Structure formats: C-alpha cells, structure tokens
C-alpha cells in the first residue's frame, strides 16, 4: 500500500508518526498489517559549495517498516432494521426452551471474535420476573418459564441483553418482548368447582344426571 497515506515524518527531528488513525482491520494494510516506507535524509548544504565537497551533502535512504498490532475492540449489538431491531414477539402458551424472534447479533471489528450473550433485568411493568433466557453462544431468545401466559394490559416485558467478547468488552441494550394472544380452542362445560356435586374428572366439567352441564366459553 502507499505508506504516505498512513505515515508522516517531522522534517526537523526525523520522527515518524501515524498520519491519522491506523486500523488493524483496514484491508489496505494487507494480510501482514504493515507499512513499508523509505525515509530520505538530506544534509543542509550552504548556498555555495566547492565541487569537491558536494558528496558531503548527499542523500541517505533509510528503509522503515511499521507493523500495526491489533487491540481488542468492543462488540456492538446490531441496531438494524431501524425501529424494530430491539422488539420481539412470543406466542401465548409457548413452552419452556421455545425459541422466538430473530437472534440478537453484533458487529465486532475483531474478525472471528467469540461473543457470549446474557440476559438480565427482566421486568413486567415495574415487577421483576424471570421469564426469558438466551442462548449464550447464538443470541437466540428463549422461553425460560414453564409456559407463557397472556394477560390483558400486562403482555409486555422488557429485558437487557449483553454481548461480551473474550476480552471482557461488552455492549448492553434493552429489548421489548410482547406476548401475542393465541386463539384458544373453545371449552365445553362448566368447570368443576366447590358447587359441583359430580365431576367428570378427565374433562374437568360438572355433570348433572350423568350429562355434562353445558356452557360454551372461549378464552381470548
């Protein structure tokens, strides 16, 4: 690559320095991540010199090699697509370990970086809960409770997701999870309760004279 784009030199002291920010991941540095340059040193000649003395004021060419080393840079949780990147939906009745929504992904300048995901600060309104989990390797959100219930007016949860690289640098973002109301199948019969004298146990409905006491109820 053209090293003069990346390096500069103080003509008075000969100090070589970066001509701006050097990025290890910049493909312009090549696979070896280094810069080769030649420093030209010229001695200062007086305005009038003898021909026999001209060699005293010749150039000296000094090759310089600068190797750019890598430093760990923090991962950044992807914020695309705009407006929906931190929103997920889970279906009512989903069982434990059910995956839902798009996986959480990150951008990390360090190629091949290993990222681990954790979830914390789970809330339903102002109440702390433990309802969701996340795959530490893939970033896939999961149901952690035995099942997910839908409650009108309390169907939205917030959680914090943290992505951490192997060097300990991390990014944390808040996500909103909404429980969608599933279409429950109709329930036939009156459920058994304290007033029920005869109960059809397998179906949990009251019977009267050997017949099911009929009502039709649909939970929405």
Protein backbone atom coordinates (compact mmCIF):
# COMPACT_ATOMS: atom_id res chain seq x y z
CA UNK A 1 0.00 0.00 0.00
CA UNK A 2 1.01 3.63 -0.32
CA UNK A 3 2.58 4.33 3.06
CA UNK A 4 2.45 8.10 2.59
CA UNK A 5 -1.31 7.85 3.15
CA UNK A 6 -0.71 6.45 6.63
CA UNK A 7 2.62 7.87 7.82
CA UNK A 8 4.23 11.26 8.17
CA UNK A 9 7.63 12.47 9.34
CA UNK A 10 8.87 15.50 11.19
CA UNK A 11 11.42 17.00 8.80
CA UNK A 12 13.35 18.53 11.67
CA UNK A 13 13.58 15.58 14.07
CA UNK A 14 13.02 12.61 11.75
CA UNK A 15 10.25 11.29 13.99
CA UNK A 16 7.87 9.01 12.07
CA UNK A 17 4.24 9.03 13.23
CA UNK A 18 0.79 8.00 12.06
CA UNK A 19 -0.99 10.29 9.66
CA UNK A 20 -4.33 9.69 11.40
CA UNK A 21 -5.90 6.61 12.96
CA UNK A 22 -4.37 3.26 11.97
CA UNK A 23 -6.86 0.40 11.91
CA UNK A 24 -5.57 -3.17 12.15
CA UNK A 25 -8.65 -4.39 10.27
CA UNK A 26 -8.13 -1.98 7.34
CA UNK A 27 -7.73 -4.18 4.21
CA UNK A 28 -5.43 -1.54 2.74
CA UNK A 29 -2.73 -2.69 5.18
CA UNK A 30 -2.68 -6.12 3.60
CA UNK A 31 -2.51 -9.52 5.23
CA UNK A 32 0.69 -8.65 7.13
CA UNK A 33 -0.79 -5.45 8.59
CA UNK A 34 2.37 -3.44 7.98
CA UNK A 35 3.66 -0.39 6.17
CA UNK A 36 6.97 -0.10 4.35
CA UNK A 37 8.41 3.32 3.65
CA UNK A 38 11.69 4.96 2.76
CA UNK A 39 12.95 7.97 4.68
CA UNK A 40 15.18 10.29 2.69
CA UNK A 41 17.70 12.22 4.77
CA UNK A 42 19.50 15.15 3.23
CA UNK A 43 22.16 17.23 4.91
CA UNK A 44 21.79 21.01 4.66
CA UNK A 45 24.26 22.45 2.18
CA UNK A 46 25.36 26.09 2.03
CA UNK A 47 24.26 28.15 -0.93
CA UNK A 48 27.76 27.95 -2.46
CA UNK A 49 29.92 24.83 -2.22
CA UNK A 50 33.04 23.51 -3.95
CA UNK A 51 32.53 20.67 -6.38
CA UNK A 52 34.99 18.60 -4.38
CA UNK A 53 32.70 18.88 -1.32
CA UNK A 54 29.37 18.03 -2.95
CA UNK A 55 29.43 14.42 -1.70
CA UNK A 56 29.26 15.71 1.86
CA UNK A 57 25.71 16.79 1.19
CA UNK A 58 24.29 13.66 -0.48
CA UNK A 59 21.09 11.81 0.36
CA UNK A 60 20.80 8.89 2.74
CA UNK A 61 17.94 6.46 2.12
CA UNK A 62 16.64 4.69 5.21
CA UNK A 63 14.00 1.94 4.87
CA UNK A 64 11.36 1.98 7.59
CA UNK A 65 8.85 -0.77 8.37
CA UNK A 66 5.85 -0.08 10.63
CA UNK A 67 3.79 -3.03 11.85
CA UNK A 68 0.26 -2.31 13.07
CA UNK A 69 -0.72 -4.51 16.02
CA UNK A 70 -4.28 -5.40 16.94
CA UNK A 71 -6.13 -4.19 20.04
CA UNK A 72 -9.42 -5.56 21.33
CA UNK A 73 -12.46 -3.52 20.30
CA UNK A 74 -15.89 -3.78 21.89
CA UNK A 75 -18.75 -5.57 20.15
CA UNK A 76 -21.81 -3.52 19.24
CA UNK A 77 -25.30 -5.01 19.17
CA UNK A 78 -26.81 -4.58 15.72
CA UNK A 79 -29.38 -1.78 15.60
CA UNK A 80 -30.98 -2.78 12.30
CA UNK A 81 -33.58 -2.72 10.96
CA UNK A 82 -34.36 0.69 12.43
CA UNK A 83 -37.42 0.81 14.65
CA UNK A 84 -37.71 -2.96 15.18
CA UNK A 85 -34.21 -4.20 15.98
CA UNK A 86 -34.93 -4.40 19.73
CA UNK A 87 -38.50 -5.71 19.56
CA UNK A 88 -39.52 -9.37 19.77
CA UNK A 89 -42.84 -11.27 19.96
CA UNK A 90 -43.57 -14.60 21.67
CA UNK A 91 -46.81 -16.56 21.29
CA UNK A 92 -49.01 -17.15 24.34
CA UNK A 93 -48.68 -20.71 25.61
CA UNK A 94 -45.11 -21.19 24.37
CA UNK A 95 -43.37 -23.82 26.48
CA UNK A 96 -40.01 -23.74 28.23
CA UNK A 97 -36.96 -23.55 25.92
CA UNK A 98 -39.08 -22.44 22.94
CA UNK A 99 -37.01 -20.08 20.74
CA UNK A 100 -38.70 -16.94 19.46
CA UNK A 101 -37.87 -13.87 17.38
CA UNK A 102 -34.74 -13.08 15.44
CA UNK A 103 -31.42 -13.87 17.08
CA UNK A 104 -29.51 -10.97 18.62
CA UNK A 105 -26.42 -10.25 16.53
CA UNK A 106 -23.42 -7.97 16.93
CA UNK A 107 -20.86 -6.09 14.89
CA UNK A 108 -17.29 -6.62 16.08
CA UNK A 109 -14.27 -5.19 14.24
CA UNK A 110 -12.14 -8.08 15.54
CA UNK A 111 -12.56 -10.83 12.95
CA UNK A 112 -13.53 -14.22 14.39
CA UNK A 113 -14.28 -12.81 17.85
CA UNK A 114 -16.16 -15.14 20.21
CA UNK A 115 -19.26 -13.48 21.66
CA UNK A 116 -21.28 -14.65 24.66
CA UNK A 117 -24.80 -13.41 25.35
CA UNK A 118 -26.52 -12.96 28.69
CA UNK A 119 -29.95 -11.65 29.72
CA UNK A 120 -30.78 -9.60 32.82
CA UNK A 121 -33.09 -7.01 34.38
CA UNK A 122 -36.27 -8.73 33.24
CA UNK A 123 -39.42 -6.79 34.08
CA UNK A 124 -43.14 -6.98 33.52
CA UNK A 125 -44.10 -3.38 34.12
CA UNK A 126 -42.38 -2.49 37.40
CA UNK A 127 -42.22 -6.10 38.59
CA UNK A 128 -39.02 -8.15 38.36
CA UNK A 129 -39.59 -11.52 36.69
CA UNK A 130 -37.61 -14.48 35.35
CA UNK A 131 -39.44 -15.50 32.22
CA UNK A 132 -36.91 -15.47 29.39
CA UNK A 133 -33.46 -16.77 28.65
CA UNK A 134 -30.93 -16.52 25.83
CA UNK A 135 -28.52 -18.92 24.17
CA UNK A 136 -25.11 -17.73 25.32
CA UNK A 137 -23.49 -18.71 22.02
CA UNK A 138 -26.08 -17.88 19.36
CA UNK A 139 -28.01 -14.94 20.85
CA UNK A 140 -31.34 -16.73 20.35
CA UNK A 141 -34.00 -15.65 22.86
CA UNK A 142 -35.82 -18.50 24.64
CA UNK A 143 -38.76 -19.06 26.97
CA UNK A 144 -37.39 -19.82 30.46
CA UNK A 145 -40.72 -20.18 32.29
CA UNK A 146 -42.79 -23.39 32.10
CA UNK A 147 -45.20 -21.55 29.83
CA UNK A 148 -46.01 -18.01 28.72
CA UNK A 149 -49.40 -16.63 29.72
CA UNK A 150 -51.25 -13.74 28.14
CA UNK A 151 -52.73 -11.14 30.45
CA UNK A 152 -54.65 -8.23 29.00
CA UNK A 153 -52.78 -4.99 29.74
CA UNK A 154 -49.73 -6.86 31.08
CA UNK A 155 -48.44 -8.53 27.95
CA UNK A 156 -45.23 -6.52 27.51
CA UNK A 157 -41.86 -7.35 29.08
CA UNK A 158 -38.50 -5.57 28.98
CA UNK A 159 -35.12 -7.29 29.24
CA UNK A 160 -31.48 -6.27 28.93
CA UNK A 161 -29.28 -8.28 26.58
CA UNK A 162 -25.49 -8.10 26.93
CA UNK A 163 -22.96 -9.22 24.32
CA UNK A 164 -19.45 -9.78 25.72
CA UNK A 165 -16.27 -10.63 23.81
CA UNK A 166 -13.50 -12.87 25.12
CA UNK A 167 -11.54 -9.81 26.22
CA UNK A 168 -14.35 -8.71 28.52
CA UNK A 169 -15.58 -5.75 26.46
CA UNK A 170 -19.38 -5.61 26.20
CA UNK A 171 -22.43 -3.84 24.88
CA UNK A 172 -25.85 -3.90 26.62
CA UNK A 173 -29.16 -2.95 25.02
CA UNK A 174 -32.79 -3.06 26.21
CA UNK A 175 -35.30 -5.22 24.34
CA UNK A 176 -39.10 -5.24 24.43
CA UNK A 177 -40.91 -8.60 24.28
CA UNK A 178 -44.65 -8.70 23.61
CA UNK A 179 -46.82 -11.77 24.27
CA UNK A 180 -49.26 -12.29 21.41
CA UNK A 181 -52.76 -13.52 22.26
CA UNK A 182 -53.27 -17.00 20.83
CA UNK A 183 -56.70 -18.16 19.65
CA UNK A 184 -57.74 -20.60 22.40
CA UNK A 185 -59.97 -23.50 21.48
CA UNK A 186 -63.50 -23.40 22.96
CA UNK A 187 -64.05 -25.13 26.33
CA UNK A 188 -67.34 -27.05 26.63
CA UNK A 189 -69.00 -27.48 30.01
CA UNK A 190 -68.89 -25.79 33.38
CA UNK A 191 -65.53 -26.34 35.12
CA UNK A 192 -65.64 -28.31 38.35
CA UNK A 193 -65.73 -26.15 41.47
CA UNK A 194 -66.95 -26.30 45.09
CA UNK A 195 -70.60 -26.21 43.98
CA UNK A 196 -70.17 -29.12 41.62
CA UNK A 197 -71.61 -32.33 43.06
CA UNK A 198 -70.44 -34.64 40.26
CA UNK A 199 -67.29 -34.02 38.28
CA UNK A 200 -66.19 -35.57 35.02
CA UNK A 201 -62.53 -35.63 36.08
CA UNK A 202 -60.79 -36.22 32.74
CA UNK A 203 -62.54 -33.20 31.23
CA UNK A 204 -62.83 -31.21 34.48
CA UNK A 205 -66.51 -30.40 33.87
CA UNK A 206 -69.60 -30.75 36.04
CA UNK A 207 -72.22 -33.33 35.18
CA UNK A 208 -75.89 -33.35 36.08
CA UNK A 209 -77.70 -36.68 35.93
CA UNK A 210 -74.78 -38.18 34.05
CA UNK A 211 -74.83 -35.44 31.44
CA UNK A 212 -72.41 -32.59 31.04
CA UNK A 213 -73.70 -29.29 32.30
CA UNK A 214 -73.24 -27.34 29.09
CA UNK A 215 -71.88 -23.87 28.69
CA UNK A 216 -69.65 -22.57 25.94
CA UNK A 217 -66.78 -20.38 26.95
CA UNK A 218 -63.92 -19.16 24.83
CA UNK A 219 -60.88 -17.53 26.39
CA UNK A 220 -59.38 -14.74 24.33
